[in-house]
Protein backbone atom coordinates (compact mmCIF):
# COMPACT_ATOMS: atom_id res chain seq x y z
CA MET A 1 171.69 116.57 -56.03
CA LYS A 2 173.63 117.94 -59.28
CA LYS A 3 172.92 115.08 -61.15
CA ARG A 4 169.38 114.75 -59.83
CA THR A 5 169.28 118.38 -61.35
CA LEU A 6 170.44 117.52 -64.62
CA ILE A 7 168.31 114.46 -64.98
CA LEU A 8 165.44 116.89 -64.42
CA GLY A 9 166.86 119.63 -66.70
CA ILE A 10 167.17 116.64 -69.73
CA ALA A 11 163.80 115.47 -68.62
CA VAL A 12 162.37 118.73 -69.31
CA PHE A 13 164.50 119.74 -72.40
CA VAL A 14 163.00 116.32 -74.18
CA LEU A 15 159.17 117.52 -72.80
CA VAL A 16 159.57 120.64 -74.51
CA ALA A 17 161.20 119.21 -77.71
CA GLY A 18 159.04 116.59 -78.01
CA SER A 19 155.80 119.20 -77.57
CA GLY A 20 157.24 121.37 -80.53
CA TYR A 21 157.76 118.41 -82.50
CA ALA A 22 154.18 117.30 -82.11
CA LYS A 23 153.03 120.77 -82.32
CA ASP A 24 154.78 121.00 -86.02
CA ASN A 25 153.23 117.54 -86.81
CA ALA A 26 149.95 118.90 -86.13
CA LYS A 27 150.73 121.95 -88.57
CA ILE A 28 151.96 120.36 -91.25
CA LYS A 29 148.68 118.01 -91.08
CA ARG A 30 146.47 121.02 -91.04
CA LEU A 31 148.09 122.50 -94.21
CA VAL A 32 148.18 119.18 -95.74
CA SER A 33 144.43 118.84 -95.49
CA GLU A 34 144.22 122.18 -97.62
CA LEU A 35 145.80 120.71 -100.34
CA TYR A 36 142.44 119.16 -101.54
CA ASP A 37 141.20 123.20 -101.97
CA ARG A 38 142.19 125.23 -104.77
CA LYS A 39 141.90 128.42 -102.57
CA THR A 40 144.29 127.20 -100.11
CA VAL A 41 146.63 124.91 -102.39
CA SER A 42 149.14 127.54 -103.32
CA GLU A 43 149.48 129.11 -99.91
CA ALA A 44 149.65 125.70 -97.76
CA SER A 45 152.10 124.28 -100.53
CA ASN A 46 154.55 126.25 -99.62
CA LYS A 47 154.29 126.55 -95.93
CA ILE A 48 154.59 122.51 -96.05
CA ILE A 49 158.02 123.31 -98.28
CA GLY A 50 159.24 124.78 -95.82
CA TYR A 51 159.38 122.38 -93.18
CA GLY A 52 161.65 120.38 -95.86
CA LYS A 53 162.05 116.63 -95.55
CA GLU A 54 160.23 116.57 -91.82
CA ALA A 55 157.02 116.80 -94.33
CA ILE A 56 157.49 114.20 -96.75
CA ASP A 57 156.02 111.38 -94.79
CA PHE A 58 152.88 113.73 -94.48
CA VAL A 59 152.78 114.44 -98.27
CA LEU A 60 153.70 111.00 -99.51
CA PRO A 61 149.99 109.46 -98.47
CA LEU A 62 148.32 112.27 -100.88
CA LEU A 63 149.96 110.24 -104.09
CA ASP A 64 147.59 107.27 -103.17
CA GLU A 65 146.00 106.00 -106.66
CA ASN A 66 142.31 107.19 -105.46
CA ASN A 67 143.13 110.35 -104.30
CA GLU A 68 142.38 113.99 -105.54
CA PRO A 69 144.13 114.87 -108.59
CA LEU A 70 144.68 118.82 -106.88
CA ALA A 71 145.78 117.15 -103.90
CA LYS A 72 148.06 114.65 -106.19
CA GLU A 73 149.62 117.14 -108.11
CA ALA A 74 150.08 119.34 -105.35
CA ALA A 75 152.11 116.60 -103.15
CA LEU A 76 154.41 115.49 -106.37
CA ASN A 77 155.38 119.73 -106.57
CA ILE A 78 155.83 119.92 -102.98
CA ILE A 79 158.37 116.51 -103.47
CA ALA A 80 160.25 117.79 -106.27
CA ARG A 81 160.71 121.40 -104.58
CA ILE A 82 162.35 119.79 -101.43
CA GLY A 83 164.10 117.15 -103.61
CA ASP A 84 163.69 114.30 -101.27
CA SER A 85 165.06 110.77 -103.13
CA SER A 86 163.03 108.88 -100.47
CA ALA A 87 160.19 109.63 -102.10
CA GLU A 88 160.90 108.37 -105.53
CA ASP A 89 159.06 104.79 -105.30
CA LYS A 90 155.63 106.51 -104.90
CA VAL A 91 156.50 109.46 -107.51
CA ILE A 92 157.23 106.35 -109.82
CA GLU A 93 153.74 104.98 -109.40
CA ALA A 94 152.23 108.14 -110.34
CA LEU A 95 154.06 108.17 -113.45
CA SER A 96 151.69 105.65 -114.62
CA ASP A 97 148.48 107.92 -113.56
CA THR A 98 145.90 108.10 -116.41
CA ASN A 99 145.40 111.84 -115.57
CA PRO A 100 147.60 114.04 -117.81
CA ARG A 101 148.77 116.66 -115.52
CA ILE A 102 149.72 113.97 -112.60
CA LYS A 103 151.92 112.35 -115.01
CA GLN A 104 153.41 115.60 -116.07
CA CYS A 105 154.03 116.61 -112.25
CA ALA A 106 155.46 113.20 -111.44
CA ALA A 107 157.63 113.46 -114.72
CA ASN A 108 158.81 116.85 -113.42
CA ALA A 109 159.40 115.36 -109.80
CA LEU A 110 161.63 112.55 -111.03
CA SER A 111 164.01 114.94 -112.95
CA VAL A 112 164.73 116.11 -109.44
CA VAL A 113 164.86 113.32 -107.03
CA GLY A 114 164.83 110.32 -109.87
CA THR A 115 168.14 107.94 -109.51
CA ALA A 116 168.75 104.92 -111.93
CA LYS A 117 165.74 103.03 -110.30
CA SER A 118 163.49 105.48 -111.83
CA ALA A 119 164.91 104.97 -115.42
CA PRO A 120 163.16 101.72 -117.02
CA TYR A 121 160.02 103.84 -116.14
CA LEU A 122 160.57 107.15 -117.37
CA ARG A 123 161.85 105.76 -120.61
CA LYS A 124 158.36 104.42 -121.28
CA TYR A 125 156.99 107.80 -121.60
CA ALA A 126 160.09 109.37 -123.46
CA VAL A 127 157.58 109.38 -126.69
CA ASP A 128 154.22 110.64 -124.73
CA PHE A 129 152.41 112.15 -126.95
CA ASP A 130 152.33 115.43 -124.21
CA PRO A 131 155.71 117.65 -125.20
CA TYR A 132 155.90 118.76 -121.43
CA THR A 133 155.98 115.45 -120.16
CA ARG A 134 158.57 114.28 -122.87
CA LYS A 135 160.30 117.18 -121.90
CA GLN A 136 160.92 116.38 -118.33
CA VAL A 137 161.62 112.47 -118.87
CA MET A 138 164.20 113.64 -121.21
CA LYS A 139 165.50 115.95 -117.96
CA ALA A 140 165.37 113.24 -115.49
CA LEU A 141 167.22 110.94 -117.81
CA ALA A 142 170.10 113.60 -118.40
CA LYS A 143 170.52 113.75 -114.62
CA ILE A 144 170.76 109.94 -114.47
CA ARG A 145 173.31 109.82 -117.20
CA SER A 146 173.08 106.37 -118.05
CA ASN A 147 174.91 105.39 -121.94
CA GLU A 148 171.65 103.61 -122.52
CA ASP A 149 169.78 106.67 -123.16
CA ILE A 150 172.58 108.15 -125.47
CA GLN A 151 170.24 106.99 -128.75
CA LEU A 152 167.05 108.27 -127.07
CA PHE A 153 168.81 111.85 -126.71
CA LEU A 154 169.74 111.34 -130.45
CA ASN A 155 166.09 110.71 -131.56
CA ALA A 156 165.03 113.72 -129.61
CA LEU A 157 166.64 115.77 -131.93
CA GLN A 158 164.17 115.45 -134.55
CA ASP A 159 161.29 115.72 -132.02
CA THR A 160 158.90 118.14 -133.07
CA ASP A 161 159.08 120.43 -130.27
CA PRO A 162 161.67 122.80 -130.24
CA GLY A 163 161.96 122.76 -126.55
CA ILE A 164 162.55 118.88 -126.57
CA ARG A 165 164.92 119.38 -129.25
CA ALA A 166 167.01 122.02 -127.41
CA PHE A 167 167.01 119.98 -124.15
CA ALA A 168 168.19 116.88 -126.04
CA ALA A 169 170.82 118.98 -127.85
CA THR A 170 171.45 120.41 -124.14
CA ALA A 171 171.84 116.97 -122.56
CA LEU A 172 174.24 115.62 -125.17
CA GLY A 173 176.73 118.27 -124.98
CA ASP A 174 176.53 117.88 -121.19
CA MET A 175 177.70 114.35 -121.88
CA LYS A 176 179.93 115.19 -124.62
CA ILE A 177 178.15 112.61 -127.26
CA LYS A 178 180.47 112.92 -130.25
CA GLU A 179 177.81 110.91 -132.40
CA ALA A 180 175.63 113.99 -132.19
CA LEU A 181 177.69 115.80 -134.29
CA PRO A 182 176.25 115.13 -137.87
CA PHE A 183 173.11 116.07 -136.37
CA PHE A 184 173.99 119.39 -134.71
CA SER A 185 175.51 120.27 -137.91
CA GLN A 186 172.17 120.02 -139.40
CA MET A 187 170.09 121.53 -136.86
CA SER A 188 172.80 125.25 -136.94
CA LEU A 189 170.11 125.78 -139.44
CA ASP A 190 166.88 125.03 -137.24
CA PRO A 191 164.33 127.39 -137.74
CA ASP A 192 164.33 128.10 -134.05
CA PRO A 193 166.76 130.70 -132.59
CA ALA A 194 166.68 128.24 -129.09
CA VAL A 195 167.68 125.31 -130.50
CA ARG A 196 170.45 126.77 -132.25
CA ILE A 197 172.06 128.31 -129.48
CA GLU A 198 171.92 125.11 -127.60
CA VAL A 199 173.45 123.48 -130.46
CA ALA A 200 176.35 126.33 -130.04
CA ARG A 201 176.97 125.83 -126.44
CA SER A 202 176.90 122.00 -126.59
CA LEU A 203 179.57 121.99 -129.51
CA GLY A 204 181.87 123.78 -126.91
CA LYS A 205 181.00 121.27 -124.65
CA ILE A 206 182.12 118.37 -126.63
CA ASN A 207 185.24 120.39 -127.62
CA THR A 208 186.47 118.35 -130.94
CA ASP A 209 188.32 119.61 -133.99
CA GLU A 210 185.21 118.51 -136.01
CA CYS A 211 183.04 121.14 -133.92
CA LEU A 212 184.63 124.22 -135.53
CA ASP A 213 183.24 123.50 -138.92
CA THR A 214 179.73 123.74 -137.48
CA LEU A 215 180.41 126.72 -135.11
CA ALA A 216 182.18 128.34 -138.38
CA LYS A 217 178.68 127.96 -140.01
CA MET A 218 176.97 129.78 -137.24
CA LEU A 219 178.92 132.98 -137.55
CA ASN A 220 176.58 133.96 -140.27
CA ASP A 221 173.23 133.39 -138.42
CA PRO A 222 170.80 136.15 -138.17
CA GLU A 223 170.69 136.24 -134.52
CA GLU A 224 173.19 138.28 -132.62
CA GLU A 225 173.52 135.93 -129.79
CA ILE A 226 173.70 132.88 -131.39
CA LYS A 227 176.69 134.53 -133.65
CA THR A 228 177.80 135.58 -130.61
CA ASN A 229 177.89 132.01 -128.78
CA ALA A 230 179.35 130.79 -131.29
CA ILE A 231 182.45 132.84 -131.42
CA GLU A 232 182.66 132.33 -127.58
CA ASN A 233 182.46 128.32 -128.15
CA ILE A 234 185.15 128.51 -131.04
CA ALA A 235 187.55 129.85 -128.73
CA LYS A 236 186.93 126.89 -126.45
CA ILE A 237 187.68 124.37 -129.13
CA ASP A 238 191.39 122.86 -128.15
CA SER A 239 192.46 122.65 -131.55
CA LYS A 240 195.49 123.74 -133.58
CA ARG A 241 192.82 125.31 -136.48
CA THR A 242 191.03 126.93 -133.37
CA ASP A 243 193.39 130.30 -134.23
CA ASP A 244 192.37 130.09 -137.73
CA PHE A 245 188.83 130.08 -137.32
CA LEU A 246 189.14 133.17 -134.86
CA VAL A 247 191.22 134.50 -137.70
CA GLN A 248 188.80 134.21 -139.94
CA ALA A 249 185.72 135.57 -137.79
CA VAL A 250 188.12 139.15 -137.36
CA SER A 251 187.41 139.71 -141.22
CA ALA A 252 183.73 139.17 -140.59
CA TYR A 253 181.05 141.39 -142.06
CA ASP A 254 179.59 141.64 -138.16
CA PRO A 255 181.73 144.03 -136.45
CA ARG A 256 180.52 142.25 -133.24
CA VAL A 257 181.72 138.98 -134.46
CA ALA A 258 185.26 140.69 -135.13
CA ALA A 259 185.61 142.35 -132.03
CA LYS A 260 185.20 139.29 -130.26
CA GLY A 261 187.58 137.36 -132.49
CA LEU A 262 189.94 139.62 -131.92
CA GLU A 263 189.47 139.39 -127.82
CA PHE A 264 189.58 135.97 -127.80
CA LEU A 265 192.83 135.44 -130.51
CA GLY A 266 194.65 138.28 -126.99
CA LEU A 267 193.13 135.99 -124.46
CA ARG A 268 194.71 132.40 -126.04
CA LYS A 269 198.33 134.46 -126.39
CA SER A 270 197.74 133.27 -130.17
CA PRO A 271 200.67 133.78 -132.26
CA GLN A 272 198.28 135.33 -135.00
CA ALA A 273 197.08 137.85 -132.40
CA LEU A 274 199.13 140.79 -133.14
CA GLU A 275 199.76 140.99 -136.74
CA THR A 276 195.72 140.50 -136.83
CA ALA A 277 195.32 143.48 -134.28
CA LYS A 278 197.61 145.76 -136.52
CA LYS A 279 195.58 144.91 -139.62
CA ASN A 280 192.19 145.71 -137.89
CA ILE A 281 193.26 148.69 -135.61
CA GLY A 282 191.97 151.09 -138.39
CA ARG A 283 188.64 149.69 -138.86
CA GLU A 284 185.73 151.87 -139.04
CA HIS A 285 183.75 150.09 -136.00
CA LEU A 286 184.52 151.45 -132.37
CA ALA A 287 184.41 147.75 -130.85
CA VAL A 288 186.84 146.61 -133.20
CA ARG A 289 189.13 149.25 -132.76
CA LEU A 290 189.17 148.83 -129.09
CA ALA A 291 189.60 145.24 -129.17
CA ALA A 292 192.48 145.90 -131.84
CA ILE A 293 194.24 148.34 -129.34
CA GLU A 294 193.86 145.80 -126.46
CA VAL A 295 195.57 143.10 -127.99
CA VAL A 296 198.58 145.80 -129.46
CA GLY A 297 198.95 146.52 -125.49
CA MET A 298 198.71 142.97 -124.45
CA MET A 299 201.12 141.66 -126.92
CA GLY A 300 202.93 144.50 -128.53
CA THR A 301 206.56 145.83 -127.90
CA SER A 302 207.74 149.39 -127.58
CA ALA A 303 208.31 149.16 -131.42
CA ASP A 304 204.52 149.08 -131.58
CA ARG A 305 204.14 152.56 -130.08
CA SER A 306 204.07 154.49 -133.32
CA ILE A 307 200.79 152.36 -133.93
CA LEU A 308 198.98 153.45 -131.37
CA GLU A 309 200.18 157.23 -130.63
CA PRO A 310 198.05 158.66 -133.69
CA LEU A 311 195.49 157.17 -132.02
CA LEU A 312 196.13 159.57 -128.74
CA THR A 313 194.26 162.80 -131.05
CA ALA A 314 191.21 160.62 -132.30
CA GLU A 315 187.77 161.83 -131.89
CA SER A 316 186.69 159.14 -129.69
CA THR A 317 187.06 159.77 -126.44
CA SER A 318 186.96 155.63 -125.80
CA VAL A 319 189.91 155.44 -128.28
CA ARG A 320 191.84 157.87 -126.96
CA LYS A 321 192.10 156.42 -123.52
CA ASN A 322 192.27 153.00 -124.60
CA ALA A 323 195.74 153.73 -126.67
CA ALA A 324 197.00 155.64 -123.77
CA LEU A 325 196.47 152.45 -121.85
CA ALA A 326 197.47 150.38 -124.37
CA ILE A 327 200.98 152.78 -124.61
CA SER A 328 201.58 152.68 -120.81
CA LYS A 329 201.87 148.85 -121.04
CA LEU A 330 204.38 148.97 -123.85
CA GLU A 331 206.82 150.86 -121.58
């Protein structure tokens, strides 16, 4: 009796589960039909994405060659959002579509779902006339990370589109390609700030002694964010010269760079940190003074109390508080 009841329960469960699955399929099919209408395509796409990989088989037929561009575009965007590499073959086919927008969406989808299989097809469009397509192709190839594409990324550093130059710099930094360093030296003066900031970040990732000279030049950049990134990435370089460059940065005209230089000397426990902090503890700019006080408190001895005690009566509340804290660390 118990066995019969168990079998009956399993059968009911299977029927209910099957019924739910069929209902989901019917809902997905209905939503797919709404991808052909501009009024419903956005909402339908979001709902289909909610079904995840279960929806991919219903979306793939939309990529057939003679289908409507609106539905194709929606399908490619859905595939990119779901991120299912089982759709890769159909997306590769869409990459050669004559409609520029479909090609863009296919390149974008391959930047998410593409594998080494996609690489030969993507390379054909690395010099496409459309900047967006080129950028998505670069993004996909960077994800695949093949040494065959290093020259392609190096060439892209001279692209007319600043977004592509910036992305190529990022990709080469992520791949730690030292051959990019001569290009980065020139690009430290690129007219677009977004390019220069990616150059600074990539130099920090490549992390060789040669990177220091270019980063030092970037400490004079007119953009504050780029100067900040330059000093941060100097501090990342594993070189005997790094501390010397940080000391030079402390003497920079820009007090924010100087403060960062002191901060990183302290964090690195540099033998030059304490002496540099003492020399700069009287600087006019508050950020520099506070950074110097912190380093003295971190690395000084009780003999350095005489440097900090006069600051307990300083006009600035921040200076007084930080000096008191630094003195407490010396005791």
